């Protein structure tokens, strides 16, 4: 098992940060344990933190008309909660533990503290968060395009099938 500092150093949103900033963040991480089937947060909750998954797997879920749909399954090293935190919006989906999970919670107040302490390092995290969100939107755009083409041709889309298959 890696230390929280090693875990953060290997995640894209914390890439390029100085050792002192990783130490600063490490000292402020809150360990959390989420049992299988419980939620880190639910769709519509306010955004006040980012989670970094240390062990287990967590599902991105949305519920409509009493049916729950799973989009993606996150594995250790994944980060979630950042989109709503950056957008100052409520959570657009829930994150549910598919297995028992250990994670680290990084409160938005820690990011505000980093802003006051070291603006260049705070800016680097914000740029990294923007890149991660842009990467996810690029994937989403490809999935939507493939789905649209497949629907017009009356066939399942290869990209949609590949993504669905990777979530099993």
Foldseek 3Di string as FASTA:
>chain_A
DDQQLVLLCPAQLQDPADPVVSVLQSVQWDKDKAAAFGWPDAAQAFQWWKKAWAAAKKFWWDDDPNDIDTQAIDGHSDMDSLVCVVVRGTHHTIIGGNHITMIIIGGVVSLVVCCVVPVVSSVSSVVSSVVVVVVVVVLVVVCVVQCVVCVVVVHHGPSVVVSVVVRD
